[in-house]
N, C-alpha and C. Protein backbone atom coordinates (compact mmCIF):
# COMPACT_ATOMS: atom_id res chain seq x y z
N UNK A 1 8.62 35.52 29.09
CA UNK A 1 7.67 35.59 30.22
C UNK A 1 6.86 34.31 30.27
N UNK A 2 6.66 33.80 31.49
CA UNK A 2 5.90 32.56 31.64
C UNK A 2 4.42 32.82 31.39
N UNK A 3 3.72 31.83 30.82
CA UNK A 3 2.27 31.98 30.60
C UNK A 3 1.54 32.13 31.92
N UNK A 4 0.31 32.75 31.91
CA UNK A 4 -0.45 33.00 33.14
C UNK A 4 -0.70 31.74 33.95
N UNK A 5 -1.02 30.61 33.29
CA UNK A 5 -1.32 29.39 34.04
C UNK A 5 -0.11 28.91 34.81
N UNK A 6 1.08 29.05 34.20
CA UNK A 6 2.30 28.64 34.89
C UNK A 6 2.55 29.53 36.10
N UNK A 7 2.33 30.84 35.96
CA UNK A 7 2.50 31.75 37.09
C UNK A 7 1.53 31.43 38.22
N UNK A 8 0.29 31.11 37.86
CA UNK A 8 -0.72 30.76 38.86
C UNK A 8 -0.31 29.50 39.61
N UNK A 9 0.21 28.52 38.84
CA UNK A 9 0.65 27.27 39.47
C UNK A 9 1.80 27.52 40.43
N UNK A 10 2.75 28.37 40.01
CA UNK A 10 3.89 28.68 40.88
C UNK A 10 3.44 29.42 42.13
N UNK A 11 2.48 30.32 41.96
CA UNK A 11 1.97 31.07 43.11
C UNK A 11 1.29 30.15 44.11
N UNK A 12 0.48 29.21 43.57
CA UNK A 12 -0.21 28.27 44.46
C UNK A 12 0.82 27.38 45.18
N UNK A 13 1.84 26.94 44.41
CA UNK A 13 2.87 26.09 45.02
C UNK A 13 3.61 26.84 46.12
N UNK A 14 3.93 28.10 45.86
CA UNK A 14 4.62 28.92 46.87
C UNK A 14 3.75 29.12 48.10
N UNK A 15 2.45 29.36 47.88
CA UNK A 15 1.54 29.54 49.00
C UNK A 15 1.42 28.28 49.82
N UNK A 16 1.36 27.13 49.15
CA UNK A 16 1.27 25.86 49.85
C UNK A 16 2.53 25.62 50.67
N UNK A 17 3.68 25.91 50.06
CA UNK A 17 4.94 25.72 50.77
C UNK A 17 5.01 26.62 52.01
N UNK A 18 4.54 27.86 51.85
CA UNK A 18 4.54 28.78 52.99
C UNK A 18 3.62 28.27 54.09
N UNK A 19 2.45 27.73 53.69
CA UNK A 19 1.51 27.19 54.67
C UNK A 19 2.11 26.02 55.42
N UNK A 20 2.76 25.12 54.66
CA UNK A 20 3.41 23.98 55.30
C UNK A 20 4.48 24.45 56.27
N UNK A 21 5.22 25.49 55.88
CA UNK A 21 6.25 26.03 56.76
C UNK A 21 5.67 26.58 58.04
N UNK A 22 4.52 27.27 57.93
CA UNK A 22 3.87 27.80 59.12
C UNK A 22 3.40 26.69 60.03
N UNK A 23 2.82 25.62 59.45
CA UNK A 23 2.37 24.49 60.26
C UNK A 23 3.54 23.83 60.94
N UNK A 24 4.64 23.64 60.18
CA UNK A 24 5.82 23.02 60.78
C UNK A 24 6.37 23.87 61.91
N UNK A 25 6.33 25.20 61.71
CA UNK A 25 6.82 26.09 62.75
C UNK A 25 5.96 25.99 63.99
N UNK A 26 4.62 25.92 63.78
CA UNK A 26 3.71 25.81 64.93
C UNK A 26 3.93 24.50 65.66
N UNK A 27 4.12 23.42 64.89
CA UNK A 27 4.36 22.12 65.52
C UNK A 27 5.67 22.14 66.29
N UNK A 28 6.66 22.82 65.74
CA UNK A 28 7.96 22.86 66.39
C UNK A 28 7.91 23.58 67.73
N UNK A 29 6.93 24.46 67.93
CA UNK A 29 6.83 25.20 69.18
C UNK A 29 5.95 24.49 70.21
N UNK A 30 5.44 23.32 69.88
CA UNK A 30 4.60 22.58 70.82
C UNK A 30 5.43 22.16 72.02
N UNK A 31 4.81 22.13 73.21
CA UNK A 31 5.58 21.75 74.41
C UNK A 31 6.04 20.30 74.32
N UNK A 32 7.17 20.02 74.94
CA UNK A 32 7.70 18.65 74.97
C UNK A 32 6.75 17.77 75.78
N UNK A 33 6.59 16.51 75.39
CA UNK A 33 5.69 15.62 76.12
C UNK A 33 6.22 15.31 77.52
N UNK A 34 5.32 15.09 78.45
CA UNK A 34 5.71 14.71 79.80
C UNK A 34 6.53 13.42 79.75
N UNK A 35 7.52 13.34 80.62
CA UNK A 35 8.35 12.14 80.68
C UNK A 35 8.64 11.82 82.14
N UNK A 36 9.01 10.54 82.39
CA UNK A 36 9.22 10.14 83.79
C UNK A 36 10.17 8.96 83.89
N UNK A 37 10.79 8.89 85.05
CA UNK A 37 11.43 7.68 85.56
C UNK A 37 10.65 7.32 86.82
N UNK A 38 10.21 6.07 86.96
CA UNK A 38 9.46 5.66 88.15
C UNK A 38 9.86 4.24 88.53
N UNK A 39 10.18 4.06 89.81
CA UNK A 39 10.42 2.73 90.37
C UNK A 39 9.55 2.60 91.61
N UNK A 40 8.47 1.82 91.52
CA UNK A 40 7.48 1.70 92.59
C UNK A 40 7.41 0.27 93.09
N UNK A 41 7.52 0.11 94.42
CA UNK A 41 7.40 -1.20 95.03
C UNK A 41 6.36 -1.17 96.15
N UNK A 42 5.65 -2.28 96.30
CA UNK A 42 4.71 -2.48 97.41
C UNK A 42 5.22 -3.64 98.25
N UNK A 43 5.03 -3.53 99.58
CA UNK A 43 5.51 -4.58 100.47
C UNK A 43 4.82 -4.48 101.82
N UNK A 44 5.23 -5.39 102.74
CA UNK A 44 4.78 -5.34 104.13
C UNK A 44 5.93 -4.90 105.03
N UNK A 45 6.87 -4.12 104.48
CA UNK A 45 8.11 -3.82 105.20
C UNK A 45 7.97 -2.78 106.30
N UNK A 46 6.98 -1.92 106.27
CA UNK A 46 6.87 -0.88 107.31
C UNK A 46 6.22 -1.44 108.56
N UNK A 47 6.48 -0.83 109.73
CA UNK A 47 5.83 -1.30 110.97
C UNK A 47 4.31 -1.29 110.89
N UNK A 48 3.75 -0.29 110.20
CA UNK A 48 2.30 -0.21 110.09
C UNK A 48 1.73 -1.36 109.25
N UNK A 49 2.54 -1.87 108.31
CA UNK A 49 2.04 -2.92 107.41
C UNK A 49 2.37 -4.33 107.90
N UNK A 50 3.24 -4.45 108.89
CA UNK A 50 3.67 -5.77 109.35
C UNK A 50 2.47 -6.58 109.85
N UNK A 51 2.24 -7.72 109.24
CA UNK A 51 1.12 -8.59 109.62
C UNK A 51 -0.22 -8.11 109.12
N UNK A 52 -0.25 -6.98 108.40
CA UNK A 52 -1.52 -6.40 107.94
C UNK A 52 -1.62 -6.33 106.42
N UNK A 53 -0.55 -6.69 105.72
CA UNK A 53 -0.52 -6.54 104.27
C UNK A 53 -0.91 -7.85 103.60
N UNK A 54 -2.14 -7.92 103.13
CA UNK A 54 -2.65 -9.13 102.48
C UNK A 54 -2.27 -9.14 101.00
N UNK A 55 -2.27 -7.98 100.38
CA UNK A 55 -2.10 -7.92 98.94
C UNK A 55 -0.70 -8.19 98.45
N UNK A 56 0.33 -7.85 99.26
CA UNK A 56 1.71 -7.99 98.82
C UNK A 56 2.51 -8.65 99.94
N UNK A 57 2.53 -9.98 99.93
CA UNK A 57 3.19 -10.72 101.00
C UNK A 57 4.71 -10.62 100.88
N UNK A 58 5.22 -10.32 99.72
CA UNK A 58 6.65 -10.08 99.53
C UNK A 58 6.83 -8.80 98.73
N UNK A 59 8.05 -8.28 98.71
CA UNK A 59 8.32 -7.04 97.99
C UNK A 59 8.03 -7.22 96.51
N UNK A 60 7.15 -6.36 95.97
CA UNK A 60 6.68 -6.51 94.59
C UNK A 60 6.88 -5.21 93.83
N UNK A 61 7.58 -5.29 92.71
CA UNK A 61 7.75 -4.13 91.84
C UNK A 61 6.53 -4.01 90.93
N UNK A 62 5.80 -2.91 91.06
CA UNK A 62 4.60 -2.69 90.25
C UNK A 62 4.85 -1.79 89.05
N UNK A 63 5.73 -0.82 89.19
CA UNK A 63 6.05 0.08 88.07
C UNK A 63 7.57 0.20 87.95
N UNK A 64 8.06 -0.03 86.76
CA UNK A 64 9.46 0.23 86.42
C UNK A 64 9.48 0.94 85.08
N UNK A 65 9.63 2.23 85.11
CA UNK A 65 9.68 3.06 83.90
C UNK A 65 11.06 3.68 83.80
N UNK A 66 11.77 3.42 82.73
CA UNK A 66 13.14 3.87 82.59
C UNK A 66 14.09 2.99 83.37
N UNK A 67 15.36 3.31 83.30
CA UNK A 67 16.39 2.56 84.00
C UNK A 67 17.16 3.48 84.93
N UNK A 68 17.55 2.97 86.11
CA UNK A 68 18.29 3.82 87.05
C UNK A 68 19.65 4.20 86.52
N UNK A 69 20.18 5.30 87.04
CA UNK A 69 21.53 5.70 86.69
C UNK A 69 22.55 4.82 87.37
N UNK A 70 23.79 4.97 86.96
CA UNK A 70 24.89 4.20 87.55
C UNK A 70 25.98 5.17 87.99
N UNK A 71 26.08 5.41 89.30
CA UNK A 71 27.08 6.38 89.78
C UNK A 71 28.51 5.90 89.59
N UNK A 72 28.68 4.59 89.34
CA UNK A 72 30.02 4.02 89.21
C UNK A 72 30.40 3.74 87.76
N UNK A 73 29.58 4.19 86.83
CA UNK A 73 29.86 3.93 85.41
C UNK A 73 31.14 4.64 84.98
N UNK A 74 31.83 4.04 84.04
CA UNK A 74 33.06 4.62 83.50
C UNK A 74 32.87 4.94 82.01
N UNK A 75 33.32 6.08 81.56
CA UNK A 75 34.24 7.02 82.23
C UNK A 75 33.56 8.04 83.13
N UNK A 76 32.20 8.07 83.14
CA UNK A 76 31.51 9.02 83.99
C UNK A 76 30.15 8.45 84.39
N UNK A 77 29.60 8.89 85.53
CA UNK A 77 28.30 8.38 85.98
C UNK A 77 27.21 8.61 84.93
N UNK A 78 26.23 7.71 84.91
CA UNK A 78 25.10 7.86 83.99
C UNK A 78 23.86 8.28 84.75
N UNK A 79 22.99 9.02 84.09
CA UNK A 79 21.74 9.51 84.69
C UNK A 79 20.62 8.50 84.46
N UNK A 80 19.57 8.52 85.27
CA UNK A 80 18.42 7.65 85.01
C UNK A 80 17.78 8.00 83.66
N UNK A 81 17.33 7.00 82.94
CA UNK A 81 16.65 7.25 81.67
C UNK A 81 15.18 7.53 81.93
N UNK A 82 14.62 8.46 81.14
CA UNK A 82 13.21 8.80 81.23
C UNK A 82 12.48 8.26 80.01
N UNK A 83 11.18 8.03 80.17
CA UNK A 83 10.33 7.56 79.07
C UNK A 83 9.19 8.55 78.89
N UNK A 84 8.90 8.90 77.65
CA UNK A 84 7.84 9.88 77.37
C UNK A 84 6.47 9.23 77.38
N UNK A 85 5.47 10.01 77.71
CA UNK A 85 4.09 9.51 77.70
C UNK A 85 3.73 9.00 76.31
N UNK A 86 2.99 7.91 76.28
CA UNK A 86 2.59 7.29 75.03
C UNK A 86 3.50 6.19 74.56
N UNK A 87 4.69 6.07 75.15
CA UNK A 87 5.63 5.03 74.76
C UNK A 87 5.59 3.87 75.76
N UNK A 88 5.86 2.67 75.29
CA UNK A 88 6.04 1.49 76.15
C UNK A 88 4.87 1.27 77.11
N UNK A 89 3.64 1.40 76.62
CA UNK A 89 2.43 1.16 77.43
C UNK A 89 2.35 2.10 78.63
N UNK A 90 2.80 3.34 78.46
CA UNK A 90 2.88 4.30 79.56
C UNK A 90 2.07 5.55 79.22
N UNK A 91 1.34 6.05 80.21
CA UNK A 91 0.63 7.33 80.08
C UNK A 91 0.99 8.19 81.29
N UNK A 92 1.34 9.43 81.05
CA UNK A 92 1.77 10.35 82.11
C UNK A 92 0.96 11.64 82.03
N UNK A 93 0.46 12.09 83.17
CA UNK A 93 -0.17 13.41 83.27
C UNK A 93 0.35 14.04 84.56
N UNK A 94 0.87 15.25 84.47
CA UNK A 94 1.47 15.82 85.67
C UNK A 94 1.48 17.34 85.62
N UNK A 95 1.46 17.95 86.80
CA UNK A 95 1.67 19.39 86.92
C UNK A 95 2.45 19.65 88.20
N UNK A 96 3.38 20.59 88.12
CA UNK A 96 4.16 21.03 89.28
C UNK A 96 4.11 22.55 89.26
N UNK A 97 3.27 23.11 90.13
CA UNK A 97 2.95 24.54 90.09
C UNK A 97 3.48 25.24 91.34
N UNK A 98 4.27 26.28 91.15
CA UNK A 98 4.82 26.99 92.30
C UNK A 98 3.78 27.89 92.94
N UNK A 99 3.70 27.79 94.27
CA UNK A 99 2.83 28.64 95.07
C UNK A 99 3.65 29.20 96.22
N UNK A 100 4.19 30.40 96.05
CA UNK A 100 5.07 30.98 97.07
C UNK A 100 6.37 30.20 97.14
N UNK A 101 6.71 29.72 98.33
CA UNK A 101 7.94 28.95 98.52
C UNK A 101 7.73 27.46 98.33
N UNK A 102 6.50 27.04 98.04
CA UNK A 102 6.19 25.62 97.89
C UNK A 102 5.65 25.32 96.50
N UNK A 103 5.40 24.04 96.27
CA UNK A 103 4.92 23.60 94.96
C UNK A 103 3.73 22.66 95.14
N UNK A 104 2.66 22.93 94.39
CA UNK A 104 1.51 22.03 94.34
C UNK A 104 1.78 21.00 93.25
N UNK A 105 1.84 19.72 93.65
CA UNK A 105 2.13 18.68 92.67
C UNK A 105 0.89 17.82 92.45
N UNK A 106 0.65 17.48 91.21
CA UNK A 106 -0.38 16.52 90.82
C UNK A 106 0.25 15.61 89.77
N UNK A 107 0.51 14.38 90.18
CA UNK A 107 1.25 13.45 89.33
C UNK A 107 0.40 12.19 89.11
N UNK A 108 0.37 11.74 87.88
CA UNK A 108 -0.30 10.47 87.58
C UNK A 108 0.48 9.75 86.49
N UNK A 109 0.74 8.47 86.73
CA UNK A 109 1.43 7.66 85.73
C UNK A 109 0.78 6.28 85.69
N UNK A 110 0.57 5.79 84.49
CA UNK A 110 -0.02 4.47 84.25
C UNK A 110 0.97 3.63 83.46
N UNK A 111 1.14 2.38 83.90
CA UNK A 111 1.93 1.43 83.12
C UNK A 111 1.13 0.15 82.93
N UNK A 112 1.05 -0.31 81.68
CA UNK A 112 0.35 -1.54 81.38
C UNK A 112 1.05 -2.75 81.98
N UNK A 113 0.40 -3.89 81.89
CA UNK A 113 0.93 -5.13 82.47
C UNK A 113 2.08 -5.63 81.60
N UNK A 114 3.30 -5.32 82.01
CA UNK A 114 4.47 -5.73 81.23
C UNK A 114 5.29 -6.79 81.95
N UNK A 115 4.93 -7.13 83.20
CA UNK A 115 5.72 -8.09 83.96
C UNK A 115 4.85 -9.13 84.66
N UNK A 116 3.58 -9.23 84.28
CA UNK A 116 2.70 -10.21 84.90
C UNK A 116 2.18 -9.82 86.26
N UNK A 117 2.39 -8.55 86.66
CA UNK A 117 1.90 -8.09 87.96
C UNK A 117 0.67 -7.19 87.83
N UNK A 118 0.07 -7.14 86.64
CA UNK A 118 -1.10 -6.31 86.41
C UNK A 118 -0.74 -4.90 85.99
N UNK A 119 -1.72 -4.19 85.45
CA UNK A 119 -1.53 -2.79 85.11
C UNK A 119 -1.65 -1.94 86.37
N UNK A 120 -0.87 -0.88 86.45
CA UNK A 120 -0.81 -0.09 87.68
C UNK A 120 -0.86 1.40 87.37
N UNK A 121 -1.62 2.13 88.21
CA UNK A 121 -1.65 3.59 88.16
C UNK A 121 -1.19 4.14 89.51
N UNK A 122 -0.25 5.05 89.47
CA UNK A 122 0.20 5.76 90.67
C UNK A 122 -0.22 7.21 90.56
N UNK A 123 -0.88 7.73 91.59
CA UNK A 123 -1.21 9.15 91.65
C UNK A 123 -0.68 9.73 92.95
N UNK A 124 -0.21 10.97 92.88
CA UNK A 124 0.32 11.68 94.04
C UNK A 124 -0.12 13.13 93.95
N UNK A 125 -0.60 13.69 95.07
CA UNK A 125 -0.98 15.11 95.08
C UNK A 125 -0.72 15.70 96.45
N UNK A 126 -0.40 16.99 96.46
CA UNK A 126 -0.16 17.69 97.71
C UNK A 126 0.85 18.80 97.53
N UNK A 127 1.33 19.34 98.65
CA UNK A 127 2.26 20.46 98.66
C UNK A 127 3.65 19.98 99.05
N UNK A 128 4.67 20.51 98.34
CA UNK A 128 6.05 20.10 98.57
C UNK A 128 6.93 21.35 98.67
N UNK A 129 7.84 21.34 99.65
CA UNK A 129 8.83 22.40 99.78
C UNK A 129 10.13 21.94 99.15
N UNK A 130 10.81 22.84 98.45
CA UNK A 130 12.08 22.49 97.81
C UNK A 130 13.17 22.22 98.83
N UNK A 131 13.00 22.71 100.05
CA UNK A 131 14.04 22.54 101.07
C UNK A 131 13.76 21.38 102.02
N UNK A 132 12.49 21.13 102.33
CA UNK A 132 12.17 20.13 103.35
C UNK A 132 11.34 18.95 102.85
N UNK A 133 10.89 18.97 101.60
CA UNK A 133 10.04 17.89 101.12
C UNK A 133 8.58 18.15 101.45
N UNK A 134 7.84 17.08 101.76
CA UNK A 134 6.41 17.26 102.03
C UNK A 134 5.85 16.18 102.93
N UNK A 135 4.78 16.51 103.63
CA UNK A 135 4.08 15.55 104.48
C UNK A 135 2.59 15.60 104.16
N UNK A 136 1.91 14.55 104.58
CA UNK A 136 0.45 14.46 104.41
C UNK A 136 0.01 14.60 102.96
N UNK A 137 0.81 14.03 102.05
CA UNK A 137 0.38 13.99 100.66
C UNK A 137 -0.58 12.82 100.46
N UNK A 138 -1.41 12.94 99.44
CA UNK A 138 -2.37 11.89 99.10
C UNK A 138 -1.84 11.07 97.93
N UNK A 139 -1.96 9.76 98.07
CA UNK A 139 -1.47 8.89 97.00
C UNK A 139 -2.39 7.67 96.86
N UNK A 140 -2.51 7.21 95.62
CA UNK A 140 -3.21 5.96 95.32
C UNK A 140 -2.31 5.09 94.47
N UNK A 141 -2.26 3.82 94.83
CA UNK A 141 -1.62 2.81 93.99
C UNK A 141 -2.72 1.84 93.59
N UNK A 142 -3.13 1.90 92.35
CA UNK A 142 -4.24 1.10 91.86
C UNK A 142 -3.72 0.05 90.89
N UNK A 143 -3.94 -1.22 91.24
CA UNK A 143 -3.44 -2.33 90.44
C UNK A 143 -4.60 -3.23 90.05
N UNK A 144 -4.58 -3.71 88.81
CA UNK A 144 -5.70 -4.50 88.30
C UNK A 144 -5.81 -5.86 88.97
N UNK A 145 -4.79 -6.30 89.68
CA UNK A 145 -4.84 -7.58 90.39
C UNK A 145 -5.07 -7.38 91.88
N UNK A 146 -4.29 -6.50 92.51
CA UNK A 146 -4.33 -6.35 93.97
C UNK A 146 -5.28 -5.27 94.45
N UNK A 147 -5.82 -4.46 93.55
CA UNK A 147 -6.77 -3.44 93.95
C UNK A 147 -6.12 -2.10 94.24
N UNK A 148 -6.87 -1.25 94.97
CA UNK A 148 -6.50 0.15 95.17
C UNK A 148 -6.06 0.38 96.61
N UNK A 149 -4.82 0.86 96.78
CA UNK A 149 -4.29 1.20 98.10
C UNK A 149 -4.18 2.72 98.20
N UNK A 150 -4.83 3.28 99.21
CA UNK A 150 -4.99 4.73 99.34
C UNK A 150 -4.37 5.20 100.65
N UNK A 151 -3.71 6.36 100.61
CA UNK A 151 -3.15 6.95 101.82
C UNK A 151 -3.19 8.46 101.72
N UNK A 152 -3.45 9.11 102.86
CA UNK A 152 -3.40 10.57 102.96
C UNK A 152 -2.26 11.01 103.89
N UNK A 153 -1.33 10.09 104.17
CA UNK A 153 -0.24 10.39 105.10
C UNK A 153 1.12 10.06 104.49
N UNK A 154 1.26 10.31 103.21
CA UNK A 154 2.53 10.04 102.52
C UNK A 154 3.50 11.19 102.71
N UNK A 155 4.77 10.90 102.56
CA UNK A 155 5.81 11.92 102.65
C UNK A 155 6.64 11.95 101.37
N UNK A 156 7.20 13.11 101.10
CA UNK A 156 8.12 13.30 99.98
C UNK A 156 9.47 13.73 100.54
N UNK A 157 10.53 13.05 100.11
CA UNK A 157 11.90 13.46 100.45
C UNK A 157 12.71 13.46 99.16
N UNK A 158 13.97 13.86 99.27
CA UNK A 158 14.76 14.03 98.05
C UNK A 158 15.98 13.12 98.00
N UNK A 159 15.96 12.05 98.78
CA UNK A 159 16.98 11.01 98.69
C UNK A 159 16.42 9.88 97.84
N UNK A 160 17.07 9.61 96.70
CA UNK A 160 16.47 8.69 95.72
C UNK A 160 17.46 7.59 95.33
N UNK A 161 17.72 6.63 96.24
CA UNK A 161 18.66 5.56 95.91
C UNK A 161 18.19 4.67 94.76
N UNK A 162 16.88 4.54 94.63
CA UNK A 162 16.36 3.70 93.55
C UNK A 162 16.57 4.27 92.18
N UNK A 163 16.86 5.58 92.10
CA UNK A 163 17.13 6.21 90.81
C UNK A 163 18.60 6.12 90.43
N UNK A 164 19.44 5.71 91.39
CA UNK A 164 20.86 5.58 91.11
C UNK A 164 21.56 6.90 90.92
N UNK A 165 20.93 7.99 91.32
CA UNK A 165 21.51 9.32 91.14
C UNK A 165 20.69 10.32 91.94
N UNK A 166 21.25 11.50 92.10
CA UNK A 166 20.56 12.63 92.73
C UNK A 166 20.45 13.76 91.72
N UNK A 167 19.46 14.63 91.89
CA UNK A 167 19.29 15.72 90.92
C UNK A 167 20.43 16.72 90.95
N UNK A 168 20.75 17.27 89.80
CA UNK A 168 21.69 18.37 89.71
C UNK A 168 20.88 19.66 89.79
N UNK A 169 20.97 20.35 90.91
CA UNK A 169 20.16 21.55 91.10
C UNK A 169 18.97 21.25 91.98
N UNK A 170 18.03 22.19 92.10
CA UNK A 170 16.87 22.01 92.97
C UNK A 170 16.07 20.76 92.59
N UNK A 171 15.64 19.97 93.58
CA UNK A 171 14.91 18.74 93.27
C UNK A 171 13.48 18.98 92.77
N UNK A 172 12.95 20.17 93.03
CA UNK A 172 11.61 20.49 92.53
C UNK A 172 11.63 21.93 92.02
N UNK A 173 11.00 22.12 90.87
CA UNK A 173 10.92 23.43 90.23
C UNK A 173 9.68 23.42 89.35
N UNK A 174 9.23 24.57 88.87
CA UNK A 174 8.04 24.56 88.01
C UNK A 174 8.19 23.57 86.85
N UNK A 175 7.25 22.63 86.78
CA UNK A 175 7.23 21.67 85.68
C UNK A 175 8.00 20.40 85.90
N UNK A 176 8.68 20.26 87.05
CA UNK A 176 9.45 19.03 87.25
C UNK A 176 9.64 18.73 88.73
N UNK A 177 9.87 17.45 89.06
CA UNK A 177 10.19 17.04 90.43
C UNK A 177 10.97 15.73 90.38
N UNK A 178 11.94 15.62 91.29
CA UNK A 178 12.80 14.44 91.42
C UNK A 178 12.75 14.09 92.90
N UNK A 179 12.15 12.96 93.29
CA UNK A 179 11.88 12.74 94.71
C UNK A 179 11.65 11.28 95.04
N UNK A 180 11.55 11.03 96.36
CA UNK A 180 11.16 9.73 96.90
C UNK A 180 9.81 9.86 97.60
N UNK A 181 8.90 8.96 97.29
CA UNK A 181 7.57 8.92 97.91
C UNK A 181 7.53 7.75 98.89
N UNK A 182 7.05 8.01 100.10
CA UNK A 182 6.87 6.96 101.10
C UNK A 182 5.45 6.99 101.64
N UNK A 183 4.75 5.88 101.48
CA UNK A 183 3.38 5.73 102.01
C UNK A 183 3.36 4.43 102.81
N UNK A 184 3.77 4.47 104.08
CA UNK A 184 3.96 3.23 104.84
C UNK A 184 2.67 2.54 105.27
N UNK A 185 1.53 3.19 105.07
CA UNK A 185 0.28 2.59 105.57
C UNK A 185 -0.86 2.80 104.59
N UNK A 186 -0.63 2.48 103.32
CA UNK A 186 -1.70 2.54 102.34
C UNK A 186 -2.73 1.44 102.61
N UNK A 187 -4.00 1.78 102.53
CA UNK A 187 -5.04 0.81 102.88
C UNK A 187 -5.97 0.50 101.71
N UNK A 188 -6.38 -0.78 101.67
CA UNK A 188 -7.38 -1.25 100.71
C UNK A 188 -8.57 -1.79 101.50
N UNK A 189 -9.62 -1.00 101.55
CA UNK A 189 -10.78 -1.37 102.37
C UNK A 189 -11.56 -2.55 101.80
N UNK A 190 -11.27 -2.92 100.56
CA UNK A 190 -11.96 -4.06 99.94
C UNK A 190 -11.29 -5.40 100.23
N UNK A 191 -10.12 -5.35 100.87
CA UNK A 191 -9.40 -6.56 101.25
C UNK A 191 -9.16 -6.50 102.76
N UNK A 192 -9.56 -7.54 103.48
CA UNK A 192 -9.45 -7.52 104.93
C UNK A 192 -8.46 -8.56 105.44
N UNK A 193 -7.92 -8.27 106.60
CA UNK A 193 -7.01 -9.19 107.26
C UNK A 193 -7.81 -10.17 108.10
N UNK A 194 -7.11 -11.13 108.73
CA UNK A 194 -7.79 -12.10 109.59
C UNK A 194 -8.47 -11.43 110.77
N UNK A 195 -7.93 -10.27 111.18
CA UNK A 195 -8.54 -9.56 112.31
C UNK A 195 -9.72 -8.70 111.88
N UNK A 196 -9.96 -8.62 110.57
CA UNK A 196 -11.09 -7.86 110.07
C UNK A 196 -10.77 -6.46 109.62
N UNK A 197 -9.54 -6.01 109.82
CA UNK A 197 -9.15 -4.68 109.40
C UNK A 197 -8.77 -4.65 107.92
N UNK A 198 -8.64 -3.46 107.36
CA UNK A 198 -8.27 -3.36 105.94
C UNK A 198 -6.82 -3.78 105.71
N UNK A 199 -6.57 -4.35 104.56
CA UNK A 199 -5.20 -4.68 104.19
C UNK A 199 -4.39 -3.38 104.15
N UNK A 200 -3.24 -3.38 104.83
CA UNK A 200 -2.40 -2.19 104.94
C UNK A 200 -1.00 -2.53 104.45
N UNK A 201 -0.54 -1.84 103.41
CA UNK A 201 0.76 -2.14 102.80
C UNK A 201 1.58 -0.87 102.63
N UNK A 202 2.87 -1.08 102.47
CA UNK A 202 3.85 0.00 102.33
C UNK A 202 4.14 0.24 100.85
N UNK A 203 3.97 1.47 100.39
CA UNK A 203 4.33 1.85 99.02
C UNK A 203 5.53 2.78 99.06
N UNK A 204 6.57 2.44 98.30
CA UNK A 204 7.78 3.25 98.23
C UNK A 204 8.13 3.46 96.76
N UNK A 205 8.43 4.69 96.39
CA UNK A 205 8.74 4.98 94.98
C UNK A 205 9.81 6.06 94.87
N UNK A 206 10.73 5.84 93.96
CA UNK A 206 11.63 6.90 93.52
C UNK A 206 11.15 7.33 92.14
N UNK A 207 11.06 8.63 91.92
CA UNK A 207 10.54 9.07 90.62
C UNK A 207 11.13 10.40 90.17
N UNK A 208 11.06 10.59 88.86
CA UNK A 208 11.39 11.86 88.22
C UNK A 208 10.25 12.16 87.24
N UNK A 209 9.61 13.29 87.39
CA UNK A 209 8.62 13.76 86.42
C UNK A 209 9.14 15.06 85.82
N UNK A 210 9.11 15.15 84.50
CA UNK A 210 9.60 16.33 83.79
C UNK A 210 8.65 16.73 82.68
N UNK A 211 8.78 17.97 82.22
CA UNK A 211 7.91 18.53 81.18
C UNK A 211 6.45 18.51 81.61
N UNK A 212 6.23 18.74 82.89
CA UNK A 212 4.87 18.79 83.43
C UNK A 212 4.28 20.19 83.24
N UNK A 213 2.97 20.29 83.39
CA UNK A 213 2.33 21.58 83.37
C UNK A 213 2.75 22.41 84.55
N UNK A 214 2.68 23.73 84.38
CA UNK A 214 3.07 24.62 85.47
C UNK A 214 1.93 25.52 85.89
């Protein structure tokens, strides 16, 4: 028979191991971190922005998170790559909550200055239908160099050429969305044109947000 002190030591060791197992189990059940693919460009390409876009005189990529898929890859097409929040100077906060036949989306993604175009935050909020997309969504594109471009007339559709692929299954569901954002007349009231009006630029983005709150 083992001496009492040895038994006590074994009991403590077993208890510690059990505790570590419980902690590991709890950690294993933690939700997966939010992840995204985002390709965001600003330009003067829309009719509303023609001659009115002071901040982006040429097409400018502000956010590139992940890589697009390749529909022509061999032996089979590749999907867009996603990046998790906290990696590669990226922070993601998002929720996609079902309300009846539609979804309330609140998306925010930040990318640090990795290409000399400044740090950028994209936010999108509003209601989206899985069948028809969405209209009159609110979006902000905030850049540390060009400033903040705001619009309350953005649209969401589900054609995403910039992602190099289309979703398999519904493009929006609780906790995720795969879509194209169009804000053809985002305005920055702190930057004015020669006519005195606010700088007006076109924001276009293809994105995938996953593991969002529901």
